[in-house]
């Protein structure tokens, strides 16, 4: 194999694929990136057996062939070459050696044969559709914060995506929850998505999609089966296994009878929560909201460090209520609200609270209260 290409092109592509590679691997080949040169292009591929990223870039191929190199070492070497330089990769006659050159730099790197590299065979994808990059970004960005980190409830370690009929319109919906809070966002279902299986996209895959989507064109191709999902962002293809589990019936935890309406100015509210929670204990992080007659009093009491109180003017004309929430969760949710105000629909101090931009918003959040 002999191939030459621009440092910027190789670095950008390595940036996309090397993130998938775990730093510690018991299987040596999984530490490597696969390089295959043919025609006028170079293909790069990396996998952790659950997730696979492939990209094809233009290159000057002197001799077709393939090999695998340590992904993180290769990325670090190319990153340190000067801007505008050319990089050449050439396998030598010696088995397991590759010469990497740029300018006056020369590296002899240990390689492993491409025949050892695993292929994450996707199998047949039952549904294929194109979704707007902005829509996919919205579905992911507004729900990923609520993904659970609790490994025992592995079926909550991702975003649940499915199509659903909402008031006569077919919607593509994303849901995430960790048992304390829930995020639900929907967009108009793209053509071809009707009838797709409900799937749970793993946390690591979600993080990679978030990074790749920023450089994507206007649409992203999505292919789905019951076991795998594939995203195509132009020249970058990400294939991932799905979480094999059943997502809980989230509709049961979304309250429908919350009749107390509290409207707050989002930015001052978030700033006040952030300020009073400064003295809360890391373990509890509870902030108390006392609402009555157009006034909201936020308070935190910590036996070790003292107490804090802040008042805000709000829009509220129901019966007075005192309710407590985890400050971090409150800030996470208010950060997702797009408008200047946030609407809280409350029931009582022990029941879930709904948070929305406004009535009928396509994104809604459920927050479980805390004892205060």
Protein backbone atom coordinates (compact mmCIF):
# COMPACT_ATOMS: atom_id res chain seq x y z
CA UNK A 1 0.00 0.00 0.00
CA UNK A 2 1.25 3.47 -0.86
CA UNK A 3 -0.92 6.56 -0.43
CA UNK A 4 -0.36 10.33 -0.11
CA UNK A 5 -2.86 12.92 1.08
CA UNK A 6 -3.11 16.33 2.72
CA UNK A 7 -2.49 16.45 6.46
CA UNK A 8 -5.72 18.46 7.05
CA UNK A 9 -7.86 15.86 5.25
CA UNK A 10 -6.28 12.93 7.09
CA UNK A 11 -6.48 14.70 10.47
CA UNK A 12 -10.15 15.59 10.06
CA UNK A 13 -11.03 12.02 9.12
CA UNK A 14 -8.95 10.51 11.93
CA UNK A 15 -10.72 12.94 14.28
CA UNK A 16 -14.04 11.38 13.25
CA UNK A 17 -13.02 7.73 13.51
CA UNK A 18 -10.44 7.54 16.33
CA UNK A 19 -12.91 8.68 19.02
CA UNK A 20 -14.68 5.32 18.77
CA UNK A 21 -11.52 3.47 19.79
CA UNK A 22 -11.27 2.74 23.51
CA UNK A 23 -7.91 3.69 25.04
CA UNK A 24 -7.64 0.33 26.80
CA UNK A 25 -8.33 -2.82 24.85
CA UNK A 26 -7.78 -6.46 25.67
CA UNK A 27 -8.05 -7.23 21.92
CA UNK A 28 -5.08 -5.48 20.19
CA UNK A 29 -6.78 -5.04 16.78
CA UNK A 30 -9.54 -2.93 18.42
CA UNK A 31 -6.89 -0.30 19.26
CA UNK A 32 -6.24 0.15 15.54
CA UNK A 33 -7.80 2.04 12.67
CA UNK A 34 -8.21 0.22 9.36
CA UNK A 35 -6.73 2.01 6.32
CA UNK A 36 -7.60 0.77 2.80
CA UNK A 37 -6.35 2.58 -0.30
CA UNK A 38 -7.92 1.96 -3.70
CA UNK A 39 -8.85 3.99 -6.77
CA UNK A 40 -8.37 7.63 -5.78
CA UNK A 41 -9.47 7.32 -2.18
CA UNK A 42 -8.50 6.16 1.28
CA UNK A 43 -11.03 4.49 3.56
CA UNK A 44 -10.63 4.76 7.33
CA UNK A 45 -12.59 2.56 9.71
CA UNK A 46 -12.63 2.12 13.51
CA UNK A 47 -14.82 0.03 15.81
CA UNK A 48 -15.33 -1.05 19.42
CA UNK A 49 -17.55 -3.99 18.29
CA UNK A 50 -20.70 -2.03 19.29
CA UNK A 51 -20.08 1.06 17.17
CA UNK A 52 -18.31 1.46 13.83
CA UNK A 53 -17.34 4.65 11.99
CA UNK A 54 -16.20 4.65 8.36
CA UNK A 55 -15.06 7.57 6.22
CA UNK A 56 -13.75 7.76 2.65
CA UNK A 57 -11.46 10.66 1.67
CA UNK A 58 -9.74 11.66 -1.56
CA UNK A 59 -6.11 10.58 -1.78
CA UNK A 60 -3.30 9.98 -4.28
CA UNK A 61 -2.99 6.18 -4.32
CA UNK A 62 0.34 4.89 -5.66
CA UNK A 63 -0.37 1.28 -4.75
CA UNK A 64 -3.69 -0.17 -3.55
CA UNK A 65 -3.75 -2.16 -0.33
CA UNK A 66 -4.71 -2.07 3.31
CA UNK A 67 -3.37 -2.26 6.84
CA UNK A 68 -4.25 -1.24 10.40
CA UNK A 69 -2.39 1.17 12.69
CA UNK A 70 -2.78 2.22 16.36
CA UNK A 71 -5.55 4.84 16.14
CA UNK A 72 -4.57 7.21 18.95
CA UNK A 73 -0.82 7.16 18.11
CA UNK A 74 -1.56 7.85 14.43
CA UNK A 75 -3.92 10.70 15.32
CA UNK A 76 -1.35 12.29 17.66
CA UNK A 77 1.45 12.04 15.04
CA UNK A 78 -0.63 13.60 12.25
CA UNK A 79 -1.92 16.30 14.63
CA UNK A 80 1.69 17.40 15.29
CA UNK A 81 2.64 17.73 11.62
CA UNK A 82 2.65 21.34 10.35
CA UNK A 83 -0.39 22.83 8.59
CA UNK A 84 -0.43 22.41 4.82
CA UNK A 85 1.94 19.43 4.80
CA UNK A 86 1.52 16.23 2.80
CA UNK A 87 1.48 12.87 4.54
CA UNK A 88 2.49 9.60 2.89
CA UNK A 89 1.84 6.10 4.20
CA UNK A 90 3.67 3.14 2.73
CA UNK A 91 3.82 -0.48 3.80
CA UNK A 92 7.34 -1.91 3.56
CA UNK A 93 8.46 -5.35 2.56
CA UNK A 94 8.91 -6.18 6.24
CA UNK A 95 5.84 -7.80 7.73
CA UNK A 96 3.99 -5.58 10.19
CA UNK A 97 5.78 -2.32 9.33
CA UNK A 98 4.48 0.93 7.83
CA UNK A 99 6.50 4.03 7.03
CA UNK A 100 4.76 7.35 7.69
CA UNK A 101 6.44 10.42 6.18
CA UNK A 102 5.78 14.14 6.19
CA UNK A 103 8.44 16.70 5.28
CA UNK A 104 11.59 15.61 7.08
CA UNK A 105 9.73 13.47 9.59
CA UNK A 106 9.70 9.70 9.28
CA UNK A 107 7.95 7.19 11.54
CA UNK A 108 8.21 3.40 11.34
CA UNK A 109 4.98 2.09 12.86
CA UNK A 110 3.93 -1.39 13.89
CA UNK A 111 0.84 -2.51 12.00
CA UNK A 112 -1.54 -5.45 12.18
CA UNK A 113 -2.98 -7.16 9.09
CA UNK A 114 -6.33 -5.86 7.82
CA UNK A 115 -7.63 -9.44 7.67
CA UNK A 116 -7.74 -9.40 11.50
CA UNK A 117 -9.99 -6.33 11.57
CA UNK A 118 -13.58 -7.12 12.62
CA UNK A 119 -16.53 -6.10 10.46
CA UNK A 120 -19.71 -4.92 12.21
CA UNK A 121 -21.97 -6.56 9.65
CA UNK A 122 -25.14 -4.49 9.66
CA UNK A 123 -27.42 -7.04 8.02
CA UNK A 124 -30.60 -5.90 6.37
CA UNK A 125 -32.03 -2.55 7.45
CA UNK A 126 -35.84 -2.64 7.45
CA UNK A 127 -36.47 1.12 7.37
CA UNK A 128 -34.59 3.93 5.66
CA UNK A 129 -35.36 7.64 5.72
CA UNK A 130 -33.75 11.06 5.52
CA UNK A 131 -34.16 13.42 8.44
CA UNK A 132 -33.20 17.09 8.54
CA UNK A 133 -29.90 17.57 10.35
CA UNK A 134 -31.49 20.33 12.45
CA UNK A 135 -34.37 18.02 13.43
CA UNK A 136 -32.03 15.16 14.39
CA UNK A 137 -29.84 17.57 16.36
CA UNK A 138 -32.91 18.87 18.21
CA UNK A 139 -34.13 15.35 19.06
CA UNK A 140 -30.74 14.42 20.50
CA UNK A 141 -29.62 17.69 22.12
CA UNK A 142 -32.87 18.19 24.02
CA UNK A 143 -33.05 14.64 25.44
CA UNK A 144 -29.50 13.36 25.95
CA UNK A 145 -29.04 15.08 29.34
CA UNK A 146 -31.73 12.79 30.83
CA UNK A 147 -30.05 9.52 29.78
CA UNK A 148 -29.42 7.32 32.82
CA UNK A 149 -25.87 6.41 33.89
CA UNK A 150 -27.10 3.53 36.02
CA UNK A 151 -25.74 0.39 34.34
CA UNK A 152 -28.16 -1.96 36.14
CA UNK A 153 -31.07 -0.36 34.27
CA UNK A 154 -29.24 -0.69 30.96
CA UNK A 155 -32.43 -0.09 28.95
CA UNK A 156 -32.36 3.54 30.19
CA UNK A 157 -28.75 4.07 28.97
CA UNK A 158 -29.86 5.60 25.68
CA UNK A 159 -32.50 7.56 23.78
CA UNK A 160 -35.72 5.75 22.84
CA UNK A 161 -36.75 6.69 19.29
CA UNK A 162 -40.04 5.70 17.66
CA UNK A 163 -42.87 7.00 15.49
CA UNK A 164 -46.24 7.79 17.05
CA UNK A 165 -49.56 9.20 15.91
CA UNK A 166 -50.13 12.46 17.78
CA UNK A 167 -53.51 14.08 17.10
CA UNK A 168 -53.62 12.76 13.55
CA UNK A 169 -50.02 13.64 12.69
CA UNK A 170 -47.24 11.03 12.48
CA UNK A 171 -44.33 12.19 14.64
CA UNK A 172 -40.79 10.93 15.20
CA UNK A 173 -40.32 11.05 18.96
CA UNK A 174 -37.22 10.82 21.17
CA UNK A 175 -37.49 10.06 24.90
CA UNK A 176 -34.86 9.73 27.64
CA UNK A 177 -35.24 9.25 31.38
CA UNK A 178 -33.15 8.32 34.42
CA UNK A 179 -36.13 7.80 36.73
CA UNK A 180 -35.82 11.30 38.25
CA UNK A 181 -36.50 13.34 35.12
CA UNK A 182 -37.81 12.66 31.66
CA UNK A 183 -37.34 14.50 28.36
CA UNK A 184 -39.65 14.00 25.36
CA UNK A 185 -39.16 15.78 22.04
CA UNK A 186 -40.81 15.19 18.68
CA UNK A 187 -40.57 16.35 15.07
CA UNK A 188 -42.69 15.56 12.02
CA UNK A 189 -41.92 11.98 11.00
CA UNK A 190 -39.80 11.80 7.82
CA UNK A 191 -41.09 9.87 4.81
CA UNK A 192 -40.13 6.21 5.17
CA UNK A 193 -40.05 6.17 8.98
CA UNK A 194 -43.65 4.99 9.46
CA UNK A 195 -43.80 1.60 11.14
CA UNK A 196 -40.14 1.62 12.21
CA UNK A 197 -39.41 -0.46 15.32
CA UNK A 198 -39.03 1.40 18.62
CA UNK A 199 -35.26 1.51 19.20
CA UNK A 200 -32.92 2.50 22.04
CA UNK A 201 -29.82 4.31 20.73
CA UNK A 202 -26.88 3.86 23.18
CA UNK A 203 -25.29 6.80 25.00
CA UNK A 204 -21.90 6.49 23.24
CA UNK A 205 -23.59 6.45 19.83
CA UNK A 206 -25.63 9.52 20.78
CA UNK A 207 -22.42 11.36 21.74
CA UNK A 208 -20.76 10.50 18.40
CA UNK A 209 -23.82 11.57 16.41
CA UNK A 210 -23.81 14.90 18.29
CA UNK A 211 -20.20 15.51 17.19
CA UNK A 212 -20.70 14.43 13.58
CA UNK A 213 -23.96 16.29 13.01
CA UNK A 214 -22.35 19.72 13.29
CA UNK A 215 -20.45 19.17 10.05
CA UNK A 216 -23.35 17.45 8.30
CA UNK A 217 -25.23 18.70 5.27
CA UNK A 218 -28.91 19.58 5.45
CA UNK A 219 -30.12 15.98 5.78
CA UNK A 220 -28.86 12.81 7.42
CA UNK A 221 -29.71 9.37 6.10
CA UNK A 222 -30.92 7.01 8.84
CA UNK A 223 -31.32 3.25 8.39
CA UNK A 224 -32.87 1.11 11.10
CA UNK A 225 -33.40 -2.56 11.95
CA UNK A 226 -34.41 -4.17 15.23
CA UNK A 227 -30.75 -4.65 16.18
CA UNK A 228 -28.77 -1.84 14.49
CA UNK A 229 -28.90 1.74 13.30
CA UNK A 230 -26.81 3.46 10.63
CA UNK A 231 -26.34 7.21 10.18
CA UNK A 232 -24.81 8.59 6.96
CA UNK A 233 -23.34 12.09 7.20
CA UNK A 234 -22.01 12.69 3.69
CA UNK A 235 -18.75 10.69 3.54
CA UNK A 236 -18.95 9.53 7.18
CA UNK A 237 -20.98 6.43 8.02
CA UNK A 238 -21.69 5.47 11.64
CA UNK A 239 -23.16 2.02 12.33
CA UNK A 240 -24.16 1.02 15.86
CA UNK A 241 -25.74 -1.83 17.72
CA UNK A 242 -28.90 -0.87 19.60
CA UNK A 243 -29.63 -1.56 23.26
CA UNK A 244 -31.39 -4.91 23.45
CA UNK A 245 -34.09 -4.16 25.99
CA UNK A 246 -37.60 -2.80 26.48
CA UNK A 247 -38.00 0.89 27.22
CA UNK A 248 -40.56 1.47 29.98
CA UNK A 249 -44.04 2.84 29.23
CA UNK A 250 -43.07 6.50 29.62
CA UNK A 251 -46.62 7.72 28.88
CA UNK A 252 -47.68 6.53 32.35
CA UNK A 253 -45.33 8.97 34.10
CA UNK A 254 -46.32 12.07 32.09
CA UNK A 255 -48.98 13.75 34.26
CA UNK A 256 -52.13 15.05 32.58
CA UNK A 257 -54.07 16.61 35.48
CA UNK A 258 -51.57 19.18 36.75
CA UNK A 259 -53.72 22.30 37.09
CA UNK A 260 -51.42 24.79 38.87
CA UNK A 261 -49.67 26.95 36.26
CA UNK A 262 -46.45 28.71 37.17
CA UNK A 263 -44.77 30.87 34.50
CA UNK A 264 -41.23 32.11 35.22
CA UNK A 265 -38.75 34.21 33.25
CA UNK A 266 -36.30 31.49 32.30
CA UNK A 267 -32.93 33.26 32.56
CA UNK A 268 -33.51 35.05 35.93
CA UNK A 269 -35.06 31.84 37.32
CA UNK A 270 -32.06 29.69 36.31
CA UNK A 271 -29.65 32.28 37.70
CA UNK A 272 -31.53 32.37 41.03
CA UNK A 273 -31.56 28.56 41.30
CA UNK A 274 -27.85 28.51 40.55
CA UNK A 275 -27.12 31.14 43.21
CA UNK A 276 -29.11 29.66 46.11
CA UNK A 277 -27.89 26.13 45.34
CA UNK A 278 -24.29 27.23 45.92
CA UNK A 279 -24.59 26.34 49.60
CA UNK A 280 -26.56 23.11 49.13
CA UNK A 281 -24.91 19.83 50.04
CA UNK A 282 -23.57 17.91 47.05
CA UNK A 283 -25.56 14.86 48.07
CA UNK A 284 -28.91 16.57 48.41
CA UNK A 285 -28.77 19.62 46.14
CA UNK A 286 -32.43 20.26 47.02
CA UNK A 287 -33.91 23.70 46.40
CA UNK A 288 -37.33 24.60 47.80
CA UNK A 289 -39.84 26.53 45.68
CA UNK A 290 -42.58 28.30 47.66
CA UNK A 291 -45.16 29.86 45.31
CA UNK A 292 -48.03 32.16 46.28
CA UNK A 293 -49.73 35.26 44.86
CA UNK A 294 -47.36 36.00 42.00
CA UNK A 295 -44.26 35.52 44.11
CA UNK A 296 -41.75 32.65 44.08
CA UNK A 297 -39.38 32.18 47.00
CA UNK A 298 -36.39 29.93 46.36
CA UNK A 299 -34.61 28.67 49.44
CA UNK A 300 -31.88 26.23 50.39
CA UNK A 301 -30.97 25.16 53.92
CA UNK A 302 -27.77 23.28 54.65
CA UNK A 303 -27.06 22.48 58.34
CA UNK A 304 -23.32 22.61 57.63
CA UNK A 305 -23.07 25.90 55.76
CA UNK A 306 -26.19 27.98 56.39
CA UNK A 307 -29.16 29.03 54.26
CA UNK A 308 -30.01 31.11 51.20
CA UNK A 309 -33.24 32.76 50.02
CA UNK A 310 -34.14 34.62 46.83
CA UNK A 311 -37.47 36.01 45.64
CA UNK A 312 -38.76 36.34 42.09
CA UNK A 313 -41.93 37.82 40.61
CA UNK A 314 -43.82 35.15 38.65
CA UNK A 315 -47.13 34.54 36.95
CA UNK A 316 -49.12 32.31 39.35
CA UNK A 317 -52.68 32.56 40.63
CA UNK A 318 -53.45 29.10 42.07
CA UNK A 319 -53.39 27.87 45.66
CA UNK A 320 -50.02 28.32 47.44
CA UNK A 321 -47.63 25.36 47.13
CA UNK A 322 -44.20 24.42 48.54
CA UNK A 323 -42.25 21.90 46.45
CA UNK A 324 -38.62 20.80 46.28
CA UNK A 325 -36.43 19.85 43.34
CA UNK A 326 -32.85 18.80 42.67
CA UNK A 327 -31.15 22.05 41.62
CA UNK A 328 -28.97 20.37 39.00
CA UNK A 329 -32.02 18.80 37.34
CA UNK A 330 -33.87 22.13 37.36
CA UNK A 331 -30.93 23.84 35.63
CA UNK A 332 -30.56 21.02 33.08
CA UNK A 333 -34.22 21.34 32.08
CA UNK A 334 -34.41 25.15 31.99
CA UNK A 335 -31.31 25.08 29.74
CA UNK A 336 -33.35 23.14 27.16
CA UNK A 337 -36.22 25.64 27.06
CA UNK A 338 -36.08 27.76 23.88
CA UNK A 339 -38.38 30.63 24.83
CA UNK A 340 -37.86 33.44 27.35
CA UNK A 341 -40.35 31.89 29.77
CA UNK A 342 -40.78 28.41 31.22
CA UNK A 343 -44.18 26.96 32.11
CA UNK A 344 -44.35 24.69 35.18
CA UNK A 345 -47.51 22.63 35.59
CA UNK A 346 -47.74 21.56 39.25
CA UNK A 347 -50.10 19.23 41.10
CA UNK A 348 -48.85 18.74 44.67
CA UNK A 349 -45.49 18.46 46.51
CA UNK A 350 -45.31 14.69 45.97
CA UNK A 351 -46.32 14.41 42.31
CA UNK A 352 -44.33 14.81 39.06
CA UNK A 353 -44.15 18.32 37.60
CA UNK A 354 -44.38 19.17 33.89
CA UNK A 355 -42.05 21.78 32.39
CA UNK A 356 -42.66 23.23 28.91
CA UNK A 357 -41.95 26.28 26.75
CA UNK A 358 -45.70 26.78 26.48
CA UNK A 359 -48.87 24.72 26.11
CA UNK A 360 -48.69 22.41 23.12
CA UNK A 361 -44.88 22.65 22.80
CA UNK A 362 -43.18 19.79 20.92
CA UNK A 363 -40.73 19.33 23.80
CA UNK A 364 -41.82 18.52 27.33
CA UNK A 365 -39.97 17.59 30.50
CA UNK A 366 -41.11 15.75 33.61
CA UNK A 367 -39.37 16.33 36.93
CA UNK A 368 -39.84 14.29 40.09
CA UNK A 369 -39.96 16.41 43.27
CA UNK A 370 -37.70 15.98 46.32
CA UNK A 371 -38.56 16.18 49.98
CA UNK A 372 -37.45 19.46 51.53
